[in-house]
C-alpha atoms as a PDB file:
ATOM      1  CA  UNK A   1     124.220 -95.732 -72.311  1.00  0.00           C
ATOM      2  CA  UNK A   2     125.266 -96.934 -68.878  1.00  0.00           C
ATOM      3  CA  UNK A   3     122.683 -94.617 -67.317  1.00  0.00           C
ATOM      4  CA  UNK A   4     120.063 -95.994 -69.668  1.00  0.00           C
ATOM      5  CA  UNK A   5     121.126 -99.495 -68.599  1.00  0.00           C
ATOM      6  CA  UNK A   6     120.616 -98.533 -64.935  1.00  0.00           C
ATOM      7  CA  UNK A   7     117.133 -97.260 -65.757  1.00  0.00           C
ATOM      8  CA  UNK A   8     116.352-100.533 -67.501  1.00  0.00           C
ATOM      9  CA  UNK A   9     117.722-102.555 -64.581  1.00  0.00           C
ATOM     10  CA  UNK A  10     115.104-100.769 -62.451  1.00  0.00           C
ATOM     11  CA  UNK A  11     112.391-102.050 -64.786  1.00  0.00           C
ATOM     12  CA  UNK A  12     111.706 -98.705 -66.466  1.00  0.00           C
ATOM     13  CA  UNK A  13     111.410 -98.046 -70.202  1.00  0.00           C
ATOM     14  CA  UNK A  14     111.974 -94.377 -71.061  1.00  0.00           C
ATOM     15  CA  UNK A  15     109.975 -94.457 -74.370  1.00  0.00           C
ATOM     16  CA  UNK A  16     111.262 -91.051 -75.513  1.00  0.00           C
ATOM     17  CA  UNK A  17     115.018 -91.292 -75.979  1.00  0.00           C
ATOM     18  CA  UNK A  18     115.972 -88.550 -78.430  1.00  0.00           C
ATOM     19  CA  UNK A  19     118.607 -85.804 -78.716  1.00  0.00           C
ATOM     20  CA  UNK A  20     116.473 -83.276 -76.816  1.00  0.00           C
ATOM     21  CA  UNK A  21     116.290 -85.630 -73.806  1.00  0.00           C
ATOM     22  CA  UNK A  22     120.064 -86.124 -73.540  1.00  0.00           C
ATOM     23  CA  UNK A  23     121.969 -83.624 -71.432  1.00  0.00           C
ATOM     24  CA  UNK A  24     125.757 -83.317 -71.735  1.00  0.00           C
ATOM     25  CA  UNK A  25     127.727 -82.684 -68.578  1.00  0.00           C
ATOM     26  CA  UNK A  26     130.881 -80.569 -68.456  1.00  0.00           C
ATOM     27  CA  UNK A  27     133.058 -83.701 -68.557  1.00  0.00           C
ATOM     28  CA  UNK A  28     131.391 -84.846 -71.789  1.00  0.00           C
ATOM     29  CA  UNK A  29     129.186 -87.563 -70.315  1.00  0.00           C
ATOM     30  CA  UNK A  30     125.529 -87.571 -71.319  1.00  0.00           C
ATOM     31  CA  UNK A  31     122.585 -87.918 -68.949  1.00  0.00           C
ATOM     32  CA  UNK A  32     119.102 -89.107 -69.861  1.00  0.00           C
ATOM     33  CA  UNK A  33     116.273 -86.811 -68.761  1.00  0.00           C
ATOM     34  CA  UNK A  34     112.533 -86.203 -69.171  1.00  0.00           C
ATOM     35  CA  UNK A  35     110.795 -89.291 -67.838  1.00  0.00           C
ATOM     36  CA  UNK A  36     107.329 -87.896 -68.482  1.00  0.00           C
ATOM     37  CA  UNK A  37     106.128 -90.929 -70.481  1.00  0.00           C
ATOM     38  CA  UNK A  38     108.349 -93.622 -68.966  1.00  0.00           C
ATOM     39  CA  UNK A  39     106.626 -96.863 -67.965  1.00  0.00           C
ATOM     40  CA  UNK A  40     107.391-100.148 -66.333  1.00  0.00           C
ATOM     41  CA  UNK A  41     108.521-102.547 -69.054  1.00  0.00           C
ATOM     42  CA  UNK A  42     105.794-105.119 -68.379  1.00  0.00           C
ATOM     43  CA  UNK A  43     102.961-102.770 -69.359  1.00  0.00           C
ATOM     44  CA  UNK A  44     101.525-102.639 -72.855  1.00  0.00           C
ATOM     45  CA  UNK A  45     100.966 -99.356 -74.611  1.00  0.00           C
ATOM     46  CA  UNK A  46      97.295-100.203 -75.120  1.00  0.00           C
ATOM     47  CA  UNK A  47      96.868-100.608 -71.369  1.00  0.00           C
ATOM     48  CA  UNK A  48      98.367 -97.120 -70.887  1.00  0.00           C
ATOM     49  CA  UNK A  49      96.081 -95.442 -73.407  1.00  0.00           C
ATOM     50  CA  UNK A  50      97.754 -95.799 -76.823  1.00  0.00           C
ATOM     51  CA  UNK A  51     100.880 -94.638 -78.567  1.00  0.00           C
ATOM     52  CA  UNK A  52     103.377 -92.321 -76.867  1.00  0.00           C
ATOM     53  CA  UNK A  53     106.798 -91.094 -77.919  1.00  0.00           C
ATOM     54  CA  UNK A  54     108.442 -88.927 -80.551  1.00  0.00           C
ATOM     55  CA  UNK A  55     107.640 -90.451 -83.965  1.00  0.00           C
ATOM     56  CA  UNK A  56     111.107 -89.943 -85.497  1.00  0.00           C
ATOM     57  CA  UNK A  57     112.625 -92.183 -82.795  1.00  0.00           C
ATOM     58  CA  UNK A  58     109.868 -94.739 -82.101  1.00  0.00           C
ATOM     59  CA  UNK A  59     110.451 -98.475 -82.465  1.00  0.00           C
ATOM     60  CA  UNK A  60     107.959-100.645 -84.323  1.00  0.00           C
ATOM     61  CA  UNK A  61     106.487-102.021 -81.101  1.00  0.00           C
ATOM     62  CA  UNK A  62     105.680 -98.472 -79.957  1.00  0.00           C
ATOM     63  CA  UNK A  63     103.916 -97.733 -83.243  1.00  0.00           C
ATOM     64  CA  UNK A  64     101.890-100.910 -82.778  1.00  0.00           C
ATOM     65  CA  UNK A  65     100.987 -99.976 -79.169  1.00  0.00           C
ATOM     66  CA  UNK A  66     102.365-103.405 -78.210  1.00  0.00           C
ATOM     67  CA  UNK A  67     104.180-104.588 -75.115  1.00  0.00           C
ATOM     68  CA  UNK A  68     107.526-102.823 -74.818  1.00  0.00           C
ATOM     69  CA  UNK A  69     110.745-103.506 -72.989  1.00  0.00           C
ATOM     70  CA  UNK A  70     114.174-101.891 -72.807  1.00  0.00           C
ATOM     71  CA  UNK A  71     114.915-102.730 -76.453  1.00  0.00           C
ATOM     72  CA  UNK A  72     112.460-100.037 -77.592  1.00  0.00           C
ATOM     73  CA  UNK A  73     114.810 -97.526 -75.955  1.00  0.00           C
ATOM     74  CA  UNK A  74     117.789 -99.109 -77.753  1.00  0.00           C
ATOM     75  CA  UNK A  75     115.981 -98.545 -81.053  1.00  0.00           C
ATOM     76  CA  UNK A  76     115.412 -94.886 -80.143  1.00  0.00           C
ATOM     77  CA  UNK A  77     119.043 -94.601 -79.066  1.00  0.00           C
ATOM     78  CA  UNK A  78     120.090 -95.956 -82.472  1.00  0.00           C
ATOM     79  CA  UNK A  79     117.907 -93.376 -84.244  1.00  0.00           C
ATOM     80  CA  UNK A  80     119.358 -90.696 -81.966  1.00  0.00           C
ATOM     81  CA  UNK A  81     122.926 -91.817 -82.654  1.00  0.00           C
ATOM     82  CA  UNK A  82     122.268 -91.735 -86.412  1.00  0.00           C
ATOM     83  CA  UNK A  83     120.819 -88.212 -86.101  1.00  0.00           C
ATOM     84  CA  UNK A  84     123.782 -86.989 -84.049  1.00  0.00           C
ATOM     85  CA  UNK A  85     126.340 -88.611 -86.370  1.00  0.00           C
ATOM     86  CA  UNK A  86     124.793 -87.427 -89.651  1.00  0.00           C
ATOM     87  CA  UNK A  87     122.595 -84.443 -88.759  1.00  0.00           C
ATOM     88  CA  UNK A  88     119.737 -86.257 -90.530  1.00  0.00           C
ATOM     89  CA  UNK A  89     117.057 -88.711 -89.418  1.00  0.00           C
ATOM     90  CA  UNK A  90     117.592 -92.416 -90.127  1.00  0.00           C
ATOM     91  CA  UNK A  91     114.587 -92.430 -92.482  1.00  0.00           C
ATOM     92  CA  UNK A  92     114.042 -89.523 -94.904  1.00  0.00           C
ATOM     93  CA  UNK A  93     110.281 -89.253 -95.344  1.00  0.00           C
ATOM     94  CA  UNK A  94     107.696 -86.517 -95.905  1.00  0.00           C
ATOM     95  CA  UNK A  95     104.643 -87.582 -93.923  1.00  0.00           C
ATOM     96  CA  UNK A  96     103.774 -89.176 -90.620  1.00  0.00           C
ATOM     97  CA  UNK A  97     102.305 -92.207 -92.418  1.00  0.00           C
ATOM     98  CA  UNK A  98     105.562 -92.656 -94.355  1.00  0.00           C
ATOM     99  CA  UNK A  99     107.500 -92.363 -91.106  1.00  0.00           C
ATOM    100  CA  UNK A 100     105.325 -95.008 -89.475  1.00  0.00           C
ATOM    101  CA  UNK A 101     105.804 -97.335 -92.464  1.00  0.00           C
ATOM    102  CA  UNK A 102     109.579 -96.786 -92.371  1.00  0.00           C
ATOM    103  CA  UNK A 103     109.820 -97.629 -88.674  1.00  0.00           C
ATOM    104  CA  UNK A 104     107.563-100.667 -89.083  1.00  0.00           C
ATOM    105  CA  UNK A 105     109.054-102.199 -92.226  1.00  0.00           C
ATOM    106  CA  UNK A 106     111.849-100.283 -93.983  1.00  0.00           C
ATOM    107  CA  UNK A 107     115.353-101.608 -93.407  1.00  0.00           C
ATOM    108  CA  UNK A 108     117.836 -99.065 -92.094  1.00  0.00           C
ATOM    109  CA  UNK A 109     120.597 -98.371 -94.610  1.00  0.00           C
ATOM    110  CA  UNK A 110     123.736 -96.999 -92.961  1.00  0.00           C
ATOM    111  CA  UNK A 111     125.606 -94.276 -94.820  1.00  0.00           C
ATOM    112  CA  UNK A 112     128.697 -95.267 -96.770  1.00  0.00           C
ATOM    113  CA  UNK A 113     131.769 -94.358 -94.722  1.00  0.00           C
ATOM    114  CA  UNK A 114     135.408 -95.373 -95.089  1.00  0.00           C
ATOM    115  CA  UNK A 115     136.737 -94.631 -91.590  1.00  0.00           C
ATOM    116  CA  UNK A 116     136.825 -97.936 -89.659  1.00  0.00           C
ATOM    117  CA  UNK A 117     135.515 -96.378 -86.433  1.00  0.00           C
ATOM    118  CA  UNK A 118     132.575 -94.749 -88.206  1.00  0.00           C
ATOM    119  CA  UNK A 119     131.869 -98.047 -90.007  1.00  0.00           C
ATOM    120  CA  UNK A 120     131.767 -99.765 -86.611  1.00  0.00           C
ATOM    121  CA  UNK A 121     129.474 -97.039 -85.246  1.00  0.00           C
ATOM    122  CA  UNK A 122     127.004 -97.374 -88.115  1.00  0.00           C
ATOM    123  CA  UNK A 123     127.106-101.178 -87.882  1.00  0.00           C
ATOM    124  CA  UNK A 124     126.089-100.825 -84.227  1.00  0.00           C
ATOM    125  CA  UNK A 125     123.367 -98.329 -85.151  1.00  0.00           C
ATOM    126  CA  UNK A 126     122.128-100.787 -87.775  1.00  0.00           C
ATOM    127  CA  UNK A 127     121.793-103.486 -85.077  1.00  0.00           C
ATOM    128  CA  UNK A 128     119.968-101.060 -82.793  1.00  0.00           C
ATOM    129  CA  UNK A 129     117.503-100.145 -85.568  1.00  0.00           C
ATOM    130  CA  UNK A 130     116.365-103.680 -86.263  1.00  0.00           C
ATOM    131  CA  UNK A 131     112.586-103.985 -86.446  1.00  0.00           C
ATOM    132  CA  UNK A 132     112.363-107.065 -84.208  1.00  0.00           C
ATOM    133  CA  UNK A 133     113.428-106.351 -80.615  1.00  0.00           C
ATOM    134  CA  UNK A 134     115.169-109.724 -80.332  1.00  0.00           C
ATOM    135  CA  UNK A 135     117.510-108.713 -83.210  1.00  0.00           C
ATOM    136  CA  UNK A 136     118.763-105.631 -81.329  1.00  0.00           C
ATOM    137  CA  UNK A 137     121.590-105.644 -78.784  1.00  0.00           C
ATOM    138  CA  UNK A 138     120.566-107.327 -75.535  1.00  0.00           C
ATOM    139  CA  UNK A 139     121.075-104.317 -73.302  1.00  0.00           C
ATOM    140  CA  UNK A 140     122.233-100.722 -73.100  1.00  0.00           C
ATOM    141  CA  UNK A 141     125.320-102.073 -71.349  1.00  0.00           C
ATOM    142  CA  UNK A 142     126.148-104.150 -74.444  1.00  0.00           C
ATOM    143  CA  UNK A 143     125.796-100.965 -76.516  1.00  0.00           C
ATOM    144  CA  UNK A 144     128.069 -99.083 -74.082  1.00  0.00           C
ATOM    145  CA  UNK A 145     130.720-101.778 -74.322  1.00  0.00           C
ATOM    146  CA  UNK A 146     130.597-101.666 -78.125  1.00  0.00           C
ATOM    147  CA  UNK A 147     130.907 -97.887 -78.048  1.00  0.00           C
ATOM    148  CA  UNK A 148     133.884 -98.151 -75.677  1.00  0.00           C
ATOM    149  CA  UNK A 149     135.749 -99.978 -78.443  1.00  0.00           C
ATOM    150  CA  UNK A 150     135.390 -97.101 -80.889  1.00  0.00           C
ATOM    151  CA  UNK A 151     135.104 -93.977 -78.711  1.00  0.00           C
ATOM    152  CA  UNK A 152     137.676 -91.250 -78.960  1.00  0.00           C
ATOM    153  CA  UNK A 153     139.016 -89.924 -75.639  1.00  0.00           C
ATOM    154  CA  UNK A 154     137.371 -86.712 -74.498  1.00  0.00           C
ATOM    155  CA  UNK A 155     139.478 -83.581 -74.904  1.00  0.00           C
ATOM    156  CA  UNK A 156     141.221 -82.319 -71.807  1.00  0.00           C
ATOM    157  CA  UNK A 157     140.581 -78.893 -70.258  1.00  0.00           C
ATOM    158  CA  UNK A 158     143.875 -76.992 -70.328  1.00  0.00           C
ATOM    159  CA  UNK A 159     144.609 -73.764 -68.462  1.00  0.00           C
ATOM    160  CA  UNK A 160     146.476 -71.460 -70.876  1.00  0.00           C
ATOM    161  CA  UNK A 161     146.525 -68.313 -68.750  1.00  0.00           C
ATOM    162  CA  UNK A 162     144.603 -66.342 -66.167  1.00  0.00           C
ATOM    163  CA  UNK A 163     140.903 -66.821 -67.009  1.00  0.00           C
ATOM    164  CA  UNK A 164     141.843 -68.541 -70.305  1.00  0.00           C
ATOM    165  CA  UNK A 165     141.278 -72.206 -71.133  1.00  0.00           C
ATOM    166  CA  UNK A 166     141.329 -74.566 -74.084  1.00  0.00           C
ATOM    167  CA  UNK A 167     139.320 -77.749 -74.694  1.00  0.00           C
ATOM    168  CA  UNK A 168     140.662 -79.349 -77.848  1.00  0.00           C
ATOM    169  CA  UNK A 169     140.332 -76.644 -80.541  1.00  0.00           C
ATOM    170  CA  UNK A 170     137.917 -74.552 -78.437  1.00  0.00           C
ATOM    171  CA  UNK A 171     139.357 -71.466 -76.713  1.00  0.00           C
ATOM    172  CA  UNK A 172     137.539 -70.123 -73.656  1.00  0.00           C
ATOM    173  CA  UNK A 173     138.127 -66.848 -71.857  1.00  0.00           C
ATOM    174  CA  UNK A 174     136.331 -65.552 -68.805  1.00  0.00           C
ATOM    175  CA  UNK A 175     135.716 -61.825 -68.885  1.00  0.00           C
ATOM    176  CA  UNK A 176     133.792 -59.329 -66.804  1.00  0.00           C
ATOM    177  CA  UNK A 177     132.462 -56.178 -68.387  1.00  0.00           C
ATOM    178  CA  UNK A 178     129.927 -54.746 -70.783  1.00  0.00           C
ATOM    179  CA  UNK A 179     128.345 -57.656 -72.640  1.00  0.00           C
ATOM    180  CA  UNK A 180     127.343 -55.363 -75.510  1.00  0.00           C
ATOM    181  CA  UNK A 181     130.982 -54.567 -76.190  1.00  0.00           C
ATOM    182  CA  UNK A 182     132.201 -58.171 -76.083  1.00  0.00           C
ATOM    183  CA  UNK A 183     133.689 -59.726 -79.220  1.00  0.00           C
ATOM    184  CA  UNK A 184     133.177 -63.466 -79.316  1.00  0.00           C
ATOM    185  CA  UNK A 185     131.498 -66.288 -81.246  1.00  0.00           C
ATOM    186  CA  UNK A 186     129.463 -67.296 -78.168  1.00  0.00           C
ATOM    187  CA  UNK A 187     128.662 -65.338 -75.038  1.00  0.00           C
ATOM    188  CA  UNK A 188     127.468 -66.992 -71.832  1.00  0.00           C
ATOM    189  CA  UNK A 189     125.933 -64.505 -69.455  1.00  0.00           C
ATOM    190  CA  UNK A 190     126.243 -65.344 -65.773  1.00  0.00           C
ATOM    191  CA  UNK A 191     124.261 -62.327 -64.528  1.00  0.00           C
ATOM    192  CA  UNK A 192     121.910 -64.540 -62.532  1.00  0.00           C
ATOM    193  CA  UNK A 193     124.641 -66.432 -60.725  1.00  0.00           C
END
């Protein structure tokens, strides 16, 4: 979210924040990518030729082809956070018209959770998914600061032996040999390196 804040400070609205446009680095930090439909925040969608974005993550103002600012990205970030936290979209619908209606007028209902940190996360997502931009958090930095209060520390990379590592519950071993004979849950091939 701090990277998104920096983008916004430069006067750019991404307009397509979604899981597929977030890239996780080795240290666990996420980067925002794919600026193919980004615009300066002062432009209206109508002036740029209509609606653009991924429907599942689009704020009401994008659906209306209205003037957008950084808060449209905060809405999309909220929809993305809901998707990543629940493995489901924030609005369960069957058609594009139903999706449009949901983003324009249906209140987001956070899932019932008992864990205090998850409750805080979904309360933040609920604020991000408000229909009126002025009811959303004021900036991606404000979202980052709220997330800092509930974030778990990232697991540490531990060396457990020659070419063997552990990150939390994940065991990693580096091996050279016949890939067809390897026994593992995941194989990363570095043949092109």
